[in-house]
């Protein structure tokens, strides 16, 4: 069942070459499964994402479903921070570091209410 999903957020991505307008939305289940959507504005292309979180290392790895050999990885700490870096392994074997910016949610959070996206890796998935 995967059950109980938590949105990690929406991220603007910047490859080393820059110039591309790419977004990624990620969510994680309590079981450590990742799902989401990758969007390239230049090509008006959206693709599903799938992956997992290693409970011991708190490292998330995922790929675009249509291109499984294109691998993304980042720590949950990075994914719950406002900015960070993710590792990308291209199908041709080239390793790159892409910069990420976690976009803020447009809705106002009410005082005393829980945040709708996690603010730390501890809120995402418990370590064994």
N, C-alpha and C. Protein backbone atom coordinates (compact mmCIF):
# COMPACT_ATOMS: atom_id res chain seq x y z
N UNK A 1 0.83 -1.20 0.00
CA UNK A 1 0.00 0.00 0.00
C UNK A 1 0.87 1.25 0.00
N UNK A 2 1.75 1.67 0.14
CA UNK A 2 2.53 2.89 0.22
C UNK A 2 2.05 3.82 1.32
N UNK A 3 0.68 3.96 1.44
CA UNK A 3 0.03 4.76 2.46
C UNK A 3 0.68 6.07 2.83
N UNK A 4 -0.07 6.96 3.44
CA UNK A 4 0.38 8.21 4.04
C UNK A 4 1.57 8.89 3.34
N UNK A 5 1.25 9.75 2.41
CA UNK A 5 2.28 10.48 1.65
C UNK A 5 2.49 11.87 2.23
N UNK A 6 3.73 12.34 2.19
CA UNK A 6 4.10 13.66 2.67
C UNK A 6 4.81 14.40 1.53
N UNK A 7 4.32 15.58 1.21
CA UNK A 7 4.96 16.38 0.16
C UNK A 7 6.30 16.89 0.66
N UNK A 8 7.36 16.63 -0.10
CA UNK A 8 8.67 17.21 0.23
C UNK A 8 8.75 18.63 -0.30
N UNK A 9 8.09 18.90 -1.42
CA UNK A 9 8.08 20.24 -1.97
C UNK A 9 8.23 20.26 -3.47
N UNK A 10 8.26 21.48 -3.99
CA UNK A 10 8.50 21.74 -5.41
C UNK A 10 9.83 22.46 -5.51
N UNK A 11 10.67 22.02 -6.43
CA UNK A 11 12.04 22.53 -6.54
C UNK A 11 12.28 23.08 -7.93
N UNK A 12 12.91 24.25 -7.99
CA UNK A 12 13.45 24.76 -9.24
C UNK A 12 14.84 24.16 -9.37
N UNK A 13 15.16 23.64 -10.55
CA UNK A 13 16.44 22.98 -10.78
C UNK A 13 17.31 23.81 -11.71
N UNK A 14 18.60 23.85 -11.43
CA UNK A 14 19.54 24.55 -12.30
C UNK A 14 20.72 23.64 -12.61
N UNK A 15 20.73 23.09 -13.84
CA UNK A 15 21.89 22.30 -14.26
C UNK A 15 23.12 23.20 -14.38
N UNK A 16 24.32 22.62 -14.37
CA UNK A 16 25.55 23.42 -14.45
C UNK A 16 25.58 24.36 -15.66
N UNK A 17 25.04 23.93 -16.78
CA UNK A 17 25.04 24.77 -17.98
C UNK A 17 24.03 25.90 -17.87
N UNK A 18 23.07 25.79 -16.94
CA UNK A 18 22.06 26.83 -16.75
C UNK A 18 21.11 26.91 -17.93
N UNK A 19 20.27 27.94 -17.90
CA UNK A 19 19.41 28.22 -19.03
C UNK A 19 18.11 27.45 -19.09
N UNK A 20 18.08 26.23 -18.60
CA UNK A 20 16.86 25.44 -18.69
C UNK A 20 15.92 25.79 -17.54
N UNK A 21 14.62 25.72 -17.83
CA UNK A 21 13.61 25.96 -16.81
C UNK A 21 13.02 24.62 -16.43
N UNK A 22 13.48 24.07 -15.31
CA UNK A 22 13.04 22.75 -14.88
C UNK A 22 12.52 22.80 -13.46
N UNK A 23 11.45 22.06 -13.23
CA UNK A 23 10.85 21.95 -11.90
C UNK A 23 10.66 20.49 -11.56
N UNK A 24 10.68 20.19 -10.27
CA UNK A 24 10.46 18.84 -9.81
C UNK A 24 9.62 18.91 -8.55
N UNK A 25 8.57 18.10 -8.48
CA UNK A 25 7.75 18.00 -7.29
C UNK A 25 7.92 16.59 -6.74
N UNK A 26 8.24 16.49 -5.44
CA UNK A 26 8.50 15.20 -4.82
C UNK A 26 7.64 14.99 -3.58
N UNK A 27 7.22 13.73 -3.38
CA UNK A 27 6.53 13.32 -2.17
C UNK A 27 7.12 12.00 -1.74
N UNK A 28 7.05 11.72 -0.42
CA UNK A 28 7.61 10.48 0.12
C UNK A 28 6.56 9.80 0.99
N UNK A 29 6.51 8.48 0.92
CA UNK A 29 5.59 7.72 1.77
C UNK A 29 6.32 7.34 3.06
N UNK A 30 5.56 6.93 4.06
CA UNK A 30 6.17 6.49 5.31
C UNK A 30 7.04 5.26 5.09
N UNK A 31 6.76 4.53 4.01
CA UNK A 31 7.56 3.34 3.69
C UNK A 31 8.86 3.70 2.97
N UNK A 32 9.06 5.00 2.65
CA UNK A 32 10.29 5.43 2.00
C UNK A 32 10.23 5.43 0.49
N UNK A 33 9.03 5.34 -0.07
CA UNK A 33 8.86 5.38 -1.52
C UNK A 33 8.73 6.84 -1.96
N UNK A 34 9.36 7.18 -3.09
CA UNK A 34 9.27 8.54 -3.64
C UNK A 34 8.45 8.50 -4.92
N UNK A 35 7.58 9.48 -5.05
CA UNK A 35 6.82 9.69 -6.28
C UNK A 35 6.86 11.19 -6.56
N UNK A 36 6.62 11.55 -7.80
CA UNK A 36 6.58 12.96 -8.12
C UNK A 36 6.45 13.21 -9.61
N UNK A 37 6.69 14.47 -9.97
CA UNK A 37 6.58 14.91 -11.36
C UNK A 37 7.78 15.80 -11.67
N UNK A 38 8.36 15.56 -12.85
CA UNK A 38 9.43 16.40 -13.40
C UNK A 38 8.81 17.21 -14.52
N UNK A 39 9.12 18.52 -14.59
CA UNK A 39 8.56 19.38 -15.63
C UNK A 39 9.68 20.22 -16.24
N UNK A 40 9.78 20.18 -17.58
CA UNK A 40 10.72 21.01 -18.33
C UNK A 40 9.90 22.04 -19.09
N UNK A 41 9.95 23.30 -18.66
CA UNK A 41 9.15 24.37 -19.27
C UNK A 41 9.57 24.66 -20.69
N UNK A 42 10.87 24.53 -21.00
CA UNK A 42 11.33 24.81 -22.36
C UNK A 42 10.70 23.86 -23.38
N UNK A 43 10.54 22.60 -22.98
CA UNK A 43 9.96 21.59 -23.87
C UNK A 43 8.48 21.33 -23.58
N UNK A 44 7.92 21.99 -22.55
CA UNK A 44 6.57 21.75 -22.08
C UNK A 44 6.33 20.25 -21.88
N UNK A 45 7.27 19.62 -21.18
CA UNK A 45 7.27 18.18 -20.98
C UNK A 45 7.15 17.86 -19.50
N UNK A 46 6.20 17.01 -19.15
CA UNK A 46 6.13 16.55 -17.76
C UNK A 46 6.21 15.03 -17.75
N UNK A 47 6.91 14.51 -16.74
CA UNK A 47 7.17 13.07 -16.63
C UNK A 47 7.01 12.65 -15.17
N UNK A 48 6.57 11.43 -14.95
CA UNK A 48 6.48 10.90 -13.59
C UNK A 48 7.85 10.53 -13.06
N UNK A 49 7.97 10.60 -11.73
CA UNK A 49 9.22 10.29 -11.03
C UNK A 49 8.92 9.15 -10.05
N UNK A 50 9.89 8.26 -9.88
CA UNK A 50 9.78 7.20 -8.88
C UNK A 50 11.14 6.98 -8.23
N UNK A 51 11.14 6.56 -6.97
CA UNK A 51 12.41 6.32 -6.28
C UNK A 51 12.19 5.84 -4.86
N UNK A 52 13.27 5.88 -4.08
CA UNK A 52 13.23 5.41 -2.70
C UNK A 52 14.13 6.28 -1.81
N UNK A 53 13.90 6.15 -0.51
CA UNK A 53 14.76 6.76 0.50
C UNK A 53 15.40 5.63 1.29
N UNK A 54 16.72 5.67 1.43
CA UNK A 54 17.43 4.71 2.25
C UNK A 54 17.28 5.16 3.71
N UNK A 55 16.60 4.37 4.51
CA UNK A 55 16.34 4.76 5.90
C UNK A 55 17.62 4.94 6.72
N UNK A 56 18.62 4.14 6.44
CA UNK A 56 19.86 4.21 7.22
C UNK A 56 20.67 5.46 6.91
N UNK A 57 20.78 5.82 5.63
CA UNK A 57 21.61 6.96 5.23
C UNK A 57 20.81 8.24 5.04
N UNK A 58 19.46 8.12 4.97
CA UNK A 58 18.59 9.26 4.71
C UNK A 58 18.87 9.87 3.32
N UNK A 59 19.38 9.06 2.40
CA UNK A 59 19.67 9.49 1.03
C UNK A 59 18.50 9.09 0.13
N UNK A 60 18.00 10.03 -0.64
CA UNK A 60 16.92 9.77 -1.58
C UNK A 60 17.51 9.59 -2.98
N UNK A 61 17.04 8.59 -3.69
CA UNK A 61 17.44 8.40 -5.08
C UNK A 61 16.17 8.21 -5.90
N UNK A 62 16.14 8.80 -7.08
CA UNK A 62 14.94 8.71 -7.93
C UNK A 62 15.32 8.91 -9.38
N UNK A 63 14.38 8.60 -10.25
CA UNK A 63 14.59 8.79 -11.68
C UNK A 63 13.26 9.16 -12.35
N UNK A 64 13.38 9.71 -13.55
CA UNK A 64 12.22 9.96 -14.39
C UNK A 64 11.85 8.61 -14.99
N UNK A 65 10.58 8.23 -14.89
CA UNK A 65 10.13 6.90 -15.28
C UNK A 65 10.51 6.56 -16.72
N UNK A 66 10.37 7.53 -17.63
CA UNK A 66 10.65 7.25 -19.05
C UNK A 66 12.15 7.13 -19.35
N UNK A 67 13.00 7.58 -18.42
CA UNK A 67 14.45 7.53 -18.62
C UNK A 67 15.09 7.02 -17.33
N UNK A 68 14.93 5.71 -17.02
CA UNK A 68 15.42 5.20 -15.73
C UNK A 68 16.93 5.30 -15.56
N UNK A 69 17.68 5.41 -16.65
CA UNK A 69 19.14 5.52 -16.53
C UNK A 69 19.60 6.92 -16.13
N UNK A 70 18.69 7.89 -16.10
CA UNK A 70 18.99 9.25 -15.60
C UNK A 70 18.65 9.25 -14.11
N UNK A 71 19.67 9.21 -13.24
CA UNK A 71 19.49 9.04 -11.80
C UNK A 71 19.75 10.35 -11.04
N UNK A 72 18.85 10.67 -10.12
CA UNK A 72 18.99 11.83 -9.25
C UNK A 72 19.19 11.32 -7.83
N UNK A 73 19.95 12.06 -7.02
CA UNK A 73 20.08 11.72 -5.61
C UNK A 73 20.37 12.97 -4.79
N UNK A 74 19.87 12.95 -3.56
CA UNK A 74 20.10 14.04 -2.60
C UNK A 74 19.73 13.53 -1.23
N UNK A 75 20.29 14.16 -0.21
CA UNK A 75 19.92 13.79 1.15
C UNK A 75 18.56 14.40 1.49
N UNK A 76 17.87 13.79 2.44
CA UNK A 76 16.61 14.38 2.90
C UNK A 76 16.86 15.75 3.51
N UNK A 77 18.03 15.94 4.11
CA UNK A 77 18.36 17.26 4.66
C UNK A 77 18.36 18.31 3.55
N UNK A 78 18.96 17.97 2.41
CA UNK A 78 18.95 18.90 1.27
C UNK A 78 17.53 19.15 0.79
N UNK A 79 16.74 18.08 0.69
CA UNK A 79 15.38 18.21 0.15
C UNK A 79 14.44 18.95 1.09
N UNK A 80 14.80 19.09 2.36
CA UNK A 80 13.97 19.84 3.29
C UNK A 80 14.55 21.23 3.58
N UNK A 81 15.62 21.60 2.86
CA UNK A 81 16.23 22.93 2.99
C UNK A 81 15.74 23.83 1.85
N UNK A 82 15.91 25.14 2.02
CA UNK A 82 15.43 26.06 0.99
C UNK A 82 16.29 26.01 -0.27
N UNK A 83 17.58 25.72 -0.14
CA UNK A 83 18.45 25.57 -1.30
C UNK A 83 19.40 24.41 -1.06
N UNK A 84 19.96 23.89 -2.12
CA UNK A 84 20.90 22.79 -1.96
C UNK A 84 21.42 22.31 -3.29
N UNK A 85 22.01 21.12 -3.25
CA UNK A 85 22.58 20.51 -4.44
C UNK A 85 22.10 19.08 -4.53
N UNK A 86 21.87 18.62 -5.76
CA UNK A 86 21.57 17.21 -5.98
C UNK A 86 22.53 16.66 -7.01
N UNK A 87 22.83 15.38 -6.88
CA UNK A 87 23.70 14.70 -7.83
C UNK A 87 22.86 14.11 -8.94
N UNK A 88 23.36 14.25 -10.17
CA UNK A 88 22.65 13.72 -11.33
C UNK A 88 23.64 12.87 -12.13
N UNK A 89 23.25 11.63 -12.37
CA UNK A 89 24.05 10.72 -13.20
C UNK A 89 23.32 10.56 -14.53
N UNK A 90 23.92 11.07 -15.60
CA UNK A 90 23.32 11.02 -16.93
C UNK A 90 23.51 9.64 -17.56
N UNK A 91 22.67 9.30 -18.54
CA UNK A 91 22.78 8.00 -19.21
C UNK A 91 24.16 7.74 -19.82
N UNK A 92 24.87 8.80 -20.21
CA UNK A 92 26.20 8.63 -20.81
C UNK A 92 27.31 8.49 -19.78
N UNK A 93 26.94 8.41 -18.49
CA UNK A 93 27.92 8.22 -17.43
C UNK A 93 28.44 9.51 -16.81
N UNK A 94 28.06 10.65 -17.36
CA UNK A 94 28.52 11.94 -16.83
C UNK A 94 27.82 12.23 -15.51
N UNK A 95 28.60 12.60 -14.49
CA UNK A 95 28.07 12.97 -13.18
C UNK A 95 28.06 14.50 -13.08
N UNK A 96 26.93 15.07 -12.64
CA UNK A 96 26.83 16.51 -12.49
C UNK A 96 26.23 16.84 -11.13
N UNK A 97 26.48 18.07 -10.69
CA UNK A 97 25.83 18.60 -9.51
C UNK A 97 24.89 19.71 -9.97
N UNK A 98 23.62 19.55 -9.67
CA UNK A 98 22.61 20.55 -10.01
C UNK A 98 22.24 21.29 -8.74
N UNK A 99 21.93 22.58 -8.88
CA UNK A 99 21.50 23.39 -7.76
C UNK A 99 19.98 23.36 -7.68
N UNK A 100 19.46 23.38 -6.45
CA UNK A 100 18.02 23.34 -6.24
C UNK A 100 17.59 24.50 -5.36
N UNK A 101 16.39 24.97 -5.60
CA UNK A 101 15.75 25.96 -4.74
C UNK A 101 14.35 25.44 -4.47
N UNK A 102 14.04 25.24 -3.20
CA UNK A 102 12.72 24.74 -2.81
C UNK A 102 11.76 25.92 -2.81
N UNK A 103 10.71 25.82 -3.62
CA UNK A 103 9.76 26.91 -3.75
C UNK A 103 8.82 26.94 -2.55
N UNK A 104 8.47 28.14 -2.14
CA UNK A 104 7.57 28.31 -1.00
C UNK A 104 6.13 28.06 -1.43
N UNK A 105 5.34 27.52 -0.52
CA UNK A 105 3.92 27.32 -0.81
C UNK A 105 3.21 28.67 -0.77
N UNK A 106 2.24 28.86 -1.68
CA UNK A 106 1.57 30.16 -1.75
C UNK A 106 0.57 30.41 -0.61
N UNK A 107 0.12 29.38 0.08
CA UNK A 107 -0.90 29.58 1.11
C UNK A 107 -0.28 29.99 2.43
N UNK A 108 -1.04 30.71 3.22
CA UNK A 108 -0.59 31.15 4.54
C UNK A 108 -0.80 30.02 5.53
N UNK A 109 0.19 29.76 6.36
CA UNK A 109 0.05 28.77 7.42
C UNK A 109 -0.56 29.46 8.64
N UNK A 110 -1.57 28.87 9.21
CA UNK A 110 -2.24 29.43 10.38
C UNK A 110 -1.40 29.14 11.62
N UNK A 111 -1.32 30.08 12.56
CA UNK A 111 -0.57 29.82 13.79
C UNK A 111 -1.12 28.59 14.50
N UNK A 112 -0.23 27.76 14.99
CA UNK A 112 -0.63 26.57 15.71
C UNK A 112 -0.95 25.37 14.82
N UNK A 113 -0.96 25.55 13.52
CA UNK A 113 -1.24 24.46 12.59
C UNK A 113 0.08 23.86 12.11
N UNK A 114 0.10 22.56 11.84
CA UNK A 114 1.34 21.95 11.36
C UNK A 114 1.68 22.43 9.94
N UNK A 115 2.96 22.46 9.64
CA UNK A 115 3.40 22.83 8.31
C UNK A 115 2.95 21.75 7.34
N UNK A 116 2.63 22.14 6.11
CA UNK A 116 2.18 21.16 5.13
C UNK A 116 3.34 20.50 4.40
N UNK A 117 4.52 21.08 4.48
CA UNK A 117 5.73 20.42 3.97
C UNK A 117 6.75 20.39 5.10
N UNK A 118 7.56 19.36 5.14
CA UNK A 118 8.50 19.22 6.25
C UNK A 118 9.58 20.29 6.21
N UNK A 119 10.05 20.66 7.41
CA UNK A 119 11.12 21.65 7.50
C UNK A 119 12.42 21.04 7.94
N UNK A 120 12.42 19.73 8.22
CA UNK A 120 13.65 19.04 8.55
C UNK A 120 13.52 17.58 8.14
N UNK A 121 14.66 16.93 7.96
CA UNK A 121 14.64 15.53 7.54
C UNK A 121 14.01 14.64 8.61
N UNK A 122 14.03 15.05 9.88
CA UNK A 122 13.45 14.25 10.94
C UNK A 122 11.94 14.13 10.81
N UNK A 123 11.31 15.10 10.15
CA UNK A 123 9.86 15.06 9.97
C UNK A 123 9.45 14.14 8.82
N UNK A 124 10.39 13.66 8.04
CA UNK A 124 10.06 12.93 6.82
C UNK A 124 9.93 11.45 7.06
N UNK A 125 10.99 10.80 7.50
CA UNK A 125 11.00 9.35 7.62
C UNK A 125 11.90 8.98 8.78
N UNK A 126 11.40 8.13 9.63
CA UNK A 126 12.15 7.76 10.83
C UNK A 126 13.30 6.81 10.48
N UNK A 127 14.40 7.02 11.16
CA UNK A 127 15.53 6.09 10.98
C UNK A 127 15.27 4.86 11.84
N UNK A 128 15.85 3.72 11.45
CA UNK A 128 15.59 2.50 12.20
C UNK A 128 16.15 2.56 13.62
